[in-house]
Amino acid sequence: KNLETEEVIYVQKAFWPVQSFTHGKRAKRIFIVDIETEGK
């Protein structure tokens, strides 16, 4: 939720649920989100 414009953005399920390792842990991509406006 953009705190300035009150715009709510919902995530989308990842089309390719890629597996990887990061921060010493197993990771799987679950969502993607497109942010179009800079802000908090």
All heavy atoms as atom14 arrays in JSON, in Angstrom:
{
  "sequence": "KNLETEEVIYVQKAFWPVQSFTHGKRAKRIFIVDIETEGK",
  "atom14_mask": [
    [1, 1, 1, 1, 1, 1, 1, 1, 1, 0, 0, 0, 0, 0],
    [1, 1, 1, 1, 1, 1, 1, 1, 0, 0, 0, 0, 0, 0],
    [1, 1, 1, 1, 1, 1, 1, 1, 0, 0, 0, 0, 0, 0],
    [1, 1, 1, 1, 1, 1, 1, 1, 1, 0, 0, 0, 0, 0],
    [1, 1, 1, 1, 1, 1, 1, 0, 0, 0, 0, 0, 0, 0],
    [1, 1, 1, 1, 1, 1, 1, 1, 1, 0, 0, 0, 0, 0],
    [1, 1, 1, 1, 1, 1, 1, 1, 1, 0, 0, 0, 0, 0],
    [1, 1, 1, 1, 1, 1, 1, 0, 0, 0, 0, 0, 0, 0],
    [1, 1, 1, 1, 1, 1, 1, 1, 0, 0, 0, 0, 0, 0],
    [1, 1, 1, 1, 1, 1, 1, 1, 1, 1, 1, 1, 0, 0],
    [1, 1, 1, 1, 1, 1, 1, 0, 0, 0, 0, 0, 0, 0],
    [1, 1, 1, 1, 1, 1, 1, 1, 1, 0, 0, 0, 0, 0],
    [1, 1, 1, 1, 1, 1, 1, 1, 1, 0, 0, 0, 0, 0],
    [1, 1, 1, 1, 1, 0, 0, 0, 0, 0, 0, 0, 0, 0],
    [1, 1, 1, 1, 1, 1, 1, 1, 1, 1, 1, 0, 0, 0],
    [1, 1, 1, 1, 1, 1, 1, 1, 1, 1, 1, 1, 1, 1],
    [1, 1, 1, 1, 1, 1, 1, 0, 0, 0, 0, 0, 0, 0],
    [1, 1, 1, 1, 1, 1, 1, 0, 0, 0, 0, 0, 0, 0],
    [1, 1, 1, 1, 1, 1, 1, 1, 1, 0, 0, 0, 0, 0],
    [1, 1, 1, 1, 1, 1, 0, 0, 0, 0, 0, 0, 0, 0],
    [1, 1, 1, 1, 1, 1, 1, 1, 1, 1, 1, 0, 0, 0],
    [1, 1, 1, 1, 1, 1, 1, 0, 0, 0, 0, 0, 0, 0],
    [1, 1, 1, 1, 1, 1, 1, 1, 1, 1, 0, 0, 0, 0],
    [1, 1, 1, 1, 0, 0, 0, 0, 0, 0, 0, 0, 0, 0],
    [1, 1, 1, 1, 1, 1, 1, 1, 1, 0, 0, 0, 0, 0],
    [1, 1, 1, 1, 1, 1, 1, 1, 1, 1, 1, 0, 0, 0],
    [1, 1, 1, 1, 1, 0, 0, 0, 0, 0, 0, 0, 0, 0],
    [1, 1, 1, 1, 1, 1, 1, 1, 1, 0, 0, 0, 0, 0],
    [1, 1, 1, 1, 1, 1, 1, 1, 1, 1, 1, 0, 0, 0],
    [1, 1, 1, 1, 1, 1, 1, 1, 0, 0, 0, 0, 0, 0],
    [1, 1, 1, 1, 1, 1, 1, 1, 1, 1, 1, 0, 0, 0],
    [1, 1, 1, 1, 1, 1, 1, 1, 0, 0, 0, 0, 0, 0],
    [1, 1, 1, 1, 1, 1, 1, 0, 0, 0, 0, 0, 0, 0],
    [1, 1, 1, 1, 1, 1, 1, 1, 0, 0, 0, 0, 0, 0],
    [1, 1, 1, 1, 1, 1, 1, 1, 0, 0, 0, 0, 0, 0],
    [1, 1, 1, 1, 1, 1, 1, 1, 1, 0, 0, 0, 0, 0],
    [1, 1, 1, 1, 1, 1, 1, 0, 0, 0, 0, 0, 0, 0],
    [1, 1, 1, 1, 1, 1, 1, 1, 1, 0, 0, 0, 0, 0],
    [1, 1, 1, 1, 0, 0, 0, 0, 0, 0, 0, 0, 0, 0],
    [1, 1, 1, 1, 1, 1, 1, 1, 1, 0, 0, 0, 0, 0]
  ],
  "atom14_positions": [
    [[0.85, -1.18, 0.0], [0.0, 0.0, 0.0], [0.89, 1.24, 0.0], [1.72, 1.42, 0.9], [-0.9, 0.01, 1.23], [-1.81, 1.21, 1.29], [-2.68, 1.15, 2.54], [-3.56, 2.38, 2.64], [-4.33, 2.39, 3.88], [0.0, 0.0, 0.0], [0.0, 0.0, 0.0], [0.0, 0.0, 0.0], [0.0, 0.0, 0.0], [0.0, 0.0, 0.0]],
    [[0.72, 2.07, -1.03], [1.44, 3.33, -1.11], [0.85, 4.29, -0.08], [-0.34, 4.59, -0.1], [1.34, 3.92, -2.52], [2.2, 5.14, -2.7], [2.26, 6.02, -1.86], [2.89, 5.18, -3.83], [0.0, 0.0, 0.0], [0.0, 0.0, 0.0], [0.0, 0.0, 0.0], [0.0, 0.0, 0.0], [0.0, 0.0, 0.0], [0.0, 0.0, 0.0]],
    [[1.67, 4.75, 0.85], [1.17, 5.59, 1.95], [0.8, 7.0, 1.51], [0.01, 7.66, 2.18], [2.21, 5.64, 3.08], [2.49, 4.28, 3.75], [3.55, 4.45, 4.82], [1.21, 3.71, 4.35], [0.0, 0.0, 0.0], [0.0, 0.0, 0.0], [0.0, 0.0, 0.0], [0.0, 0.0, 0.0], [0.0, 0.0, 0.0], [0.0, 0.0, 0.0]],
    [[1.35, 7.46, 0.4], [1.04, 8.81, -0.07], [-0.23, 8.84, -0.91], [-1.06, 9.72, -0.76], [2.22, 9.36, -0.87], [3.47, 9.52, -0.03], [4.74, 9.67, -0.86], [4.65, 9.84, -2.09], [5.81, 9.61, -0.26], [0.0, 0.0, 0.0], [0.0, 0.0, 0.0], [0.0, 0.0, 0.0], [0.0, 0.0, 0.0], [0.0, 0.0, 0.0]],
    [[-0.39, 7.87, -1.82], [-1.53, 7.87, -2.74], [-2.65, 6.92, -2.31], [-3.7, 6.91, -2.93], [-1.08, 7.46, -4.16], [-0.61, 6.11, -4.12], [0.0, 8.38, -4.68], [0.0, 0.0, 0.0], [0.0, 0.0, 0.0], [0.0, 0.0, 0.0], [0.0, 0.0, 0.0], [0.0, 0.0, 0.0], [0.0, 0.0, 0.0], [0.0, 0.0, 0.0]],
    [[-2.4, 6.11, -1.27], [-3.36, 5.1, -0.8], [-3.62, 4.0, -1.83], [-4.55, 3.22, -1.69], [-4.7, 5.75, -0.39], [-4.59, 6.76, 0.73], [-4.21, 6.14, 2.06], [-4.73, 5.09, 2.4], [-3.35, 6.74, 2.76], [0.0, 0.0, 0.0], [0.0, 0.0, 0.0], [0.0, 0.0, 0.0], [0.0, 0.0, 0.0], [0.0, 0.0, 0.0]],
    [[-2.8, 3.93, -2.89], [-2.94, 2.89, -3.91], [-2.55, 1.54, -3.31], [-1.53, 1.41, -2.63], [-2.04, 3.2, -5.1], [-2.05, 2.13, -6.16], [-1.0, 2.36, -7.23], [-0.08, 3.18, -7.04], [-1.12, 1.71, -8.28], [0.0, 0.0, 0.0], [0.0, 0.0, 0.0], [0.0, 0.0, 0.0], [0.0, 0.0, 0.0], [0.0, 0.0, 0.0]],
    [[-3.38, 0.53, -3.56], [-3.12, -0.82, -3.07], [-2.69, -1.68, -4.26], [-3.35, -1.7, -5.29], [-4.38, -1.42, -2.41], [-4.14, -2.87, -2.01], [-4.77, -0.6, -1.19], [0.0, 0.0, 0.0], [0.0, 0.0, 0.0], [0.0, 0.0, 0.0], [0.0, 0.0, 0.0], [0.0, 0.0, 0.0], [0.0, 0.0, 0.0], [0.0, 0.0, 0.0]],
    [[-1.56, -2.38, -4.08], [-1.03, -3.24, -5.15], [-0.99, -4.67, -4.64], [-0.43, -4.95, -3.58], [0.38, -2.78, -5.56], [0.34, -1.33, -6.04], [0.94, -3.7, -6.64], [1.69, -0.73, -6.26], [0.0, 0.0, 0.0], [0.0, 0.0, 0.0], [0.0, 0.0, 0.0], [0.0, 0.0, 0.0], [0.0, 0.0, 0.0], [0.0, 0.0, 0.0]],
    [[-1.6, -5.56, -5.39], [-1.63, -6.98, -5.05], [-0.52, -7.7, -5.79], [-0.25, -7.41, -6.95], [-2.98, -7.59, -5.41], [-4.12, -6.97, -4.64], [-4.84, -5.91, -5.16], [-4.45, -7.43, -3.37], [-5.88, -5.33, -4.45], [-5.49, -6.86, -2.65], [-6.2, -5.81, -3.2], [-7.21, -5.24, -2.49], [0.0, 0.0, 0.0], [0.0, 0.0, 0.0]],
    [[0.1, -8.66, -5.13], [1.16, -9.43, -5.78], [0.55, -10.46, -6.71], [-0.62, -10.83, -6.57], [2.06, -10.13, -4.72], [2.77, -9.12, -3.86], [1.26, -11.1, -3.88], [0.0, 0.0, 0.0], [0.0, 0.0, 0.0], [0.0, 0.0, 0.0], [0.0, 0.0, 0.0], [0.0, 0.0, 0.0], [0.0, 0.0, 0.0], [0.0, 0.0, 0.0]],
    [[1.36, -10.93, -7.66], [0.94, -11.99, -8.59], [1.77, -13.24, -8.3], [2.96, -13.13, -7.98], [1.18, -11.57, -10.03], [0.48, -10.32, -10.44], [0.98, -9.83, -11.8], [1.73, -10.5, -12.48], [0.56, -8.64, -12.17], [0.0, 0.0, 0.0], [0.0, 0.0, 0.0], [0.0, 0.0, 0.0], [0.0, 0.0, 0.0], [0.0, 0.0, 0.0]],
    [[1.15, -14.38, -8.45], [1.88, -15.63, -8.26], [2.95, -15.74, -9.34], [2.71, -15.42, -10.5], [0.91, -16.82, -8.35], [1.53, -18.12, -7.94], [0.49, -19.22, -7.89], [1.15, -20.52, -7.52], [0.2, -21.63, -7.54], [0.0, 0.0, 0.0], [0.0, 0.0, 0.0], [0.0, 0.0, 0.0], [0.0, 0.0, 0.0], [0.0, 0.0, 0.0]],
    [[4.14, -16.17, -8.96], [5.26, -16.28, -9.9], [4.98, -17.35, -10.94], [4.59, -18.48, -10.6], [6.55, -16.6, -9.15], [0.0, 0.0, 0.0], [0.0, 0.0, 0.0], [0.0, 0.0, 0.0], [0.0, 0.0, 0.0], [0.0, 0.0, 0.0], [0.0, 0.0, 0.0], [0.0, 0.0, 0.0], [0.0, 0.0, 0.0], [0.0, 0.0, 0.0]],
    [[5.16, -17.0, -12.2], [4.94, -17.95, -13.28], [6.01, -19.04, -13.26], [5.74, -20.2, -13.47], [4.95, -17.22, -14.63], [4.64, -18.1, -15.8], [3.35, -18.57, -15.99], [5.62, -18.48, -16.68], [3.05, -19.39, -17.06], [5.34, -19.29, -17.76], [4.04, -19.76, -17.95], [0.0, 0.0, 0.0], [0.0, 0.0, 0.0], [0.0, 0.0, 0.0]],
    [[7.27, -18.64, -12.99], [8.38, -19.58, -12.86], [8.82, -19.58, -11.4], [9.54, -18.7, -10.98], [9.56, -19.18, -13.74], [9.26, -19.21, -15.19], [9.08, -18.15, -16.01], [9.08, -20.37, -16.01], [8.81, -18.56, -17.29], [8.81, -19.93, -17.32], [9.13, -21.73, -15.77], [8.59, -20.8, -18.37], [8.91, -22.6, -16.83], [8.64, -22.13, -18.1]],
    [[8.42, -20.58, -10.61], [8.83, -20.62, -9.2], [10.27, -21.11, -9.04], [10.53, -22.25, -8.7], [7.83, -21.59, -8.58], [7.41, -22.47, -9.71], [7.49, -21.64, -10.96], [0.0, 0.0, 0.0], [0.0, 0.0, 0.0], [0.0, 0.0, 0.0], [0.0, 0.0, 0.0], [0.0, 0.0, 0.0], [0.0, 0.0, 0.0], [0.0, 0.0, 0.0]],
    [[11.22, -20.24, -9.33], [12.64, -20.56, -9.34], [13.12, -20.89, -7.93], [12.76, -20.22, -6.97], [13.43, -19.36, -9.91], [14.93, -19.61, -9.85], [12.98, -19.06, -11.32], [0.0, 0.0, 0.0], [0.0, 0.0, 0.0], [0.0, 0.0, 0.0], [0.0, 0.0, 0.0], [0.0, 0.0, 0.0], [0.0, 0.0, 0.0], [0.0, 0.0, 0.0]],
    [[13.98, -21.91, -7.83], [14.59, -22.29, -6.56], [16.02, -21.78, -6.54], [16.7, -21.79, -7.56], [14.61, -23.82, -6.41], [13.26, -24.43, -6.39], [13.31, -25.94, -6.3], [12.32, -26.52, -5.95], [14.39, -26.6, -6.61], [0.0, 0.0, 0.0], [0.0, 0.0, 0.0], [0.0, 0.0, 0.0], [0.0, 0.0, 0.0], [0.0, 0.0, 0.0]],
    [[16.47, -21.33, -5.37], [17.85, -20.85, -5.24], [18.25, -20.9, -3.77], [17.48, -21.36, -2.93], [17.97, -19.43, -5.8], [17.09, -18.57, -5.12], [0.0, 0.0, 0.0], [0.0, 0.0, 0.0], [0.0, 0.0, 0.0], [0.0, 0.0, 0.0], [0.0, 0.0, 0.0], [0.0, 0.0, 0.0], [0.0, 0.0, 0.0], [0.0, 0.0, 0.0]],
    [[19.45, -20.42, -3.49], [19.94, -20.31, -2.12], [20.31, -18.86, -1.88], [20.96, -18.22, -2.71], [21.17, -21.19, -1.91], [20.86, -22.65, -1.83], [20.84, -23.42, -2.99], [20.57, -23.26, -0.63], [20.55, -24.77, -2.94], [20.27, -24.6, -0.57], [20.26, -25.37, -1.73], [0.0, 0.0, 0.0], [0.0, 0.0, 0.0], [0.0, 0.0, 0.0]],
    [[19.9, -18.32, -0.74], [20.26, -16.97, -0.35], [20.22, -16.86, 1.17], [19.44, -17.56, 1.82], [19.33, -15.92, -0.99], [19.81, -14.62, -0.67], [17.9, -16.06, -0.54], [0.0, 0.0, 0.0], [0.0, 0.0, 0.0], [0.0, 0.0, 0.0], [0.0, 0.0, 0.0], [0.0, 0.0, 0.0], [0.0, 0.0, 0.0], [0.0, 0.0, 0.0]],
    [[21.05, -16.01, 1.71], [21.13, -15.82, 3.17], [21.35, -17.15, 3.89], [20.85, -17.35, 5.0], [19.88, -15.12, 3.69], [19.72, -13.73, 3.2], [19.22, -13.44, 1.96], [20.0, -12.53, 3.78], [19.2, -12.12, 1.78], [19.67, -11.55, 2.86], [0.0, 0.0, 0.0], [0.0, 0.0, 0.0], [0.0, 0.0, 0.0], [0.0, 0.0, 0.0]],
    [[22.04, -18.09, 3.23], [22.32, -19.39, 3.83], [21.11, -20.3, 3.93], [21.13, -21.27, 4.68], [0.0, 0.0, 0.0], [0.0, 0.0, 0.0], [0.0, 0.0, 0.0], [0.0, 0.0, 0.0], [0.0, 0.0, 0.0], [0.0, 0.0, 0.0], [0.0, 0.0, 0.0], [0.0, 0.0, 0.0], [0.0, 0.0, 0.0], [0.0, 0.0, 0.0]],
    [[20.05, -20.0, 3.18], [18.82, -20.79, 3.26], [18.31, -21.12, 1.86], [18.65, -20.44, 0.89], [17.73, -20.0, 4.0], [18.06, -19.68, 5.42], [16.95, -18.9, 6.07], [17.34, -18.54, 7.5], [16.31, -17.79, 8.16], [0.0, 0.0, 0.0], [0.0, 0.0, 0.0], [0.0, 0.0, 0.0], [0.0, 0.0, 0.0], [0.0, 0.0, 0.0]],
    [[17.48, -22.13, 1.79], [16.8, -22.44, 0.54], [15.72, -21.4, 0.3], [15.08, -20.93, 1.24], [16.15, -23.83, 0.63], [17.15, -24.93, 0.78], [16.49, -26.26, 1.0], [17.54, -27.26, 1.19], [17.34, -28.54, 1.18], [16.12, -29.02, 1.0], [18.33, -29.37, 1.35], [0.0, 0.0, 0.0], [0.0, 0.0, 0.0], [0.0, 0.0, 0.0]],
    [[15.55, -21.04, -0.97], [14.57, -20.0, -1.31], [13.8, -20.42, -2.55], [14.35, -21.03, -3.46], [15.29, -18.68, -1.55], [0.0, 0.0, 0.0], [0.0, 0.0, 0.0], [0.0, 0.0, 0.0], [0.0, 0.0, 0.0], [0.0, 0.0, 0.0], [0.0, 0.0, 0.0], [0.0, 0.0, 0.0], [0.0, 0.0, 0.0], [0.0, 0.0, 0.0]],
    [[12.53, -20.07, -2.58], [11.7, -20.34, -3.75], [10.89, -19.09, -4.06], [10.24, -18.52, -3.19], [10.76, -21.51, -3.49], [10.03, -21.96, -4.74], [9.55, -23.37, -4.59], [9.07, -23.9, -5.92], [8.75, -25.3, -5.83], [0.0, 0.0, 0.0], [0.0, 0.0, 0.0], [0.0, 0.0, 0.0], [0.0, 0.0, 0.0], [0.0, 0.0, 0.0]],
    [[10.96, -18.68, -5.34], [10.2, -17.5, -5.77], [8.72, -17.85, -5.74], [8.29, -18.82, -6.35], [10.61, -17.08, -7.17], [9.92, -15.79, -7.6], [10.23, -15.38, -9.01], [11.67, -15.39, -9.29], [12.17, -15.45, -10.51], [11.39, -15.55, -11.56], [13.48, -15.44, -10.68], [0.0, 0.0, 0.0], [0.0, 0.0, 0.0], [0.0, 0.0, 0.0]],
    [[7.94, -17.03, -5.04], [6.5, -17.32, -4.93], [5.64, -16.23, -5.56], [4.57, -16.53, -6.08], [6.07, -17.55, -3.46], [6.48, -16.38, -2.57], [6.65, -18.86, -2.95], [5.97, -16.46, -1.14], [0.0, 0.0, 0.0], [0.0, 0.0, 0.0], [0.0, 0.0, 0.0], [0.0, 0.0, 0.0], [0.0, 0.0, 0.0], [0.0, 0.0, 0.0]],
    [[6.09, -14.98, -5.51], [5.3, -13.88, -6.05], [6.21, -12.91, -6.8], [7.41, -12.88, -6.6], [4.61, -13.08, -4.94], [3.59, -13.82, -4.14], [3.74, -13.98, -2.78], [2.46, -14.35, -4.74], [2.78, -14.64, -2.02], [1.5, -15.01, -4.0], [1.66, -15.16, -2.63], [0.0, 0.0, 0.0], [0.0, 0.0, 0.0], [0.0, 0.0, 0.0]],
    [[5.56, -12.08, -7.62], [6.21, -10.91, -8.21], [5.26, -9.72, -8.02], [4.05, -9.91, -7.89], [6.55, -11.09, -9.71], [5.29, -11.4, -10.51], [7.61, -12.14, -9.92], [5.49, -11.31, -12.0], [0.0, 0.0, 0.0], [0.0, 0.0, 0.0], [0.0, 0.0, 0.0], [0.0, 0.0, 0.0], [0.0, 0.0, 0.0], [0.0, 0.0, 0.0]],
    [[5.83, -8.54, -8.0], [5.01, -7.34, -7.88], [5.69, -6.22, -8.68], [6.91, -6.08, -8.65], [4.8, -6.93, -6.39], [6.09, -6.56, -5.72], [3.78, -5.82, -6.28], [0.0, 0.0, 0.0], [0.0, 0.0, 0.0], [0.0, 0.0, 0.0], [0.0, 0.0, 0.0], [0.0, 0.0, 0.0], [0.0, 0.0, 0.0], [0.0, 0.0, 0.0]],
    [[4.87, -5.48, -9.4], [5.36, -4.35, -10.19], [4.99, -3.06, -9.48], [3.81, -2.75, -9.32], [4.77, -4.36, -11.6], [5.28, -5.52, -12.43], [6.5, -5.78, -12.39], [4.48, -6.18, -13.1], [0.0, 0.0, 0.0], [0.0, 0.0, 0.0], [0.0, 0.0, 0.0], [0.0, 0.0, 0.0], [0.0, 0.0, 0.0], [0.0, 0.0, 0.0]],
    [[5.99, -2.33, -9.04], [5.79, -1.03, -8.4], [6.01, 0.03, -9.47], [7.07, 0.09, -10.07], [6.77, -0.82, -7.23], [6.61, -1.92, -6.18], [6.6, 0.57, -6.62], [5.28, -1.95, -5.46], [0.0, 0.0, 0.0], [0.0, 0.0, 0.0], [0.0, 0.0, 0.0], [0.0, 0.0, 0.0], [0.0, 0.0, 0.0], [0.0, 0.0, 0.0]],
    [[5.0, 0.84, -9.72], [5.09, 1.84, -10.78], [5.38, 3.25, -10.28], [5.78, 4.11, -11.05], [3.79, 1.82, -11.6], [3.58, 0.5, -12.31], [2.3, 0.45, -13.1], [1.58, 1.47, -13.15], [2.01, -0.61, -13.66], [0.0, 0.0, 0.0], [0.0, 0.0, 0.0], [0.0, 0.0, 0.0], [0.0, 0.0, 0.0], [0.0, 0.0, 0.0]],
    [[5.14, 3.49, -8.98], [5.34, 4.82, -8.42], [6.3, 4.74, -7.24], [6.09, 3.93, -6.34], [3.99, 5.4, -7.93], [3.04, 5.33, -8.98], [4.15, 6.84, -7.47], [0.0, 0.0, 0.0], [0.0, 0.0, 0.0], [0.0, 0.0, 0.0], [0.0, 0.0, 0.0], [0.0, 0.0, 0.0], [0.0, 0.0, 0.0], [0.0, 0.0, 0.0]],
    [[7.32, 5.57, -7.26], [8.26, 5.59, -6.13], [7.57, 6.14, -4.91], [6.74, 7.06, -4.99], [9.47, 6.46, -6.48], [10.53, 6.45, -5.42], [11.8, 7.14, -5.86], [11.93, 7.48, -7.04], [12.68, 7.33, -5.0], [0.0, 0.0, 0.0], [0.0, 0.0, 0.0], [0.0, 0.0, 0.0], [0.0, 0.0, 0.0], [0.0, 0.0, 0.0]],
    [[7.89, 5.58, -3.76], [7.3, 6.09, -2.53], [7.46, 5.11, -1.38], [8.11, 4.08, -1.5], [0.0, 0.0, 0.0], [0.0, 0.0, 0.0], [0.0, 0.0, 0.0], [0.0, 0.0, 0.0], [0.0, 0.0, 0.0], [0.0, 0.0, 0.0], [0.0, 0.0, 0.0], [0.0, 0.0, 0.0], [0.0, 0.0, 0.0], [0.0, 0.0, 0.0]],
    [[6.84, 5.47, -0.26], [6.84, 4.6, 0.91], [5.65, 3.66, 0.83], [4.51, 4.1, 0.61], [6.77, 5.44, 2.19], [8.03, 6.22, 2.43], [8.0, 6.93, 3.76], [9.3, 7.68, 3.95], [9.42, 8.27, 5.26], [0.0, 0.0, 0.0], [0.0, 0.0, 0.0], [0.0, 0.0, 0.0], [0.0, 0.0, 0.0], [0.0, 0.0, 0.0]]
  ]
}
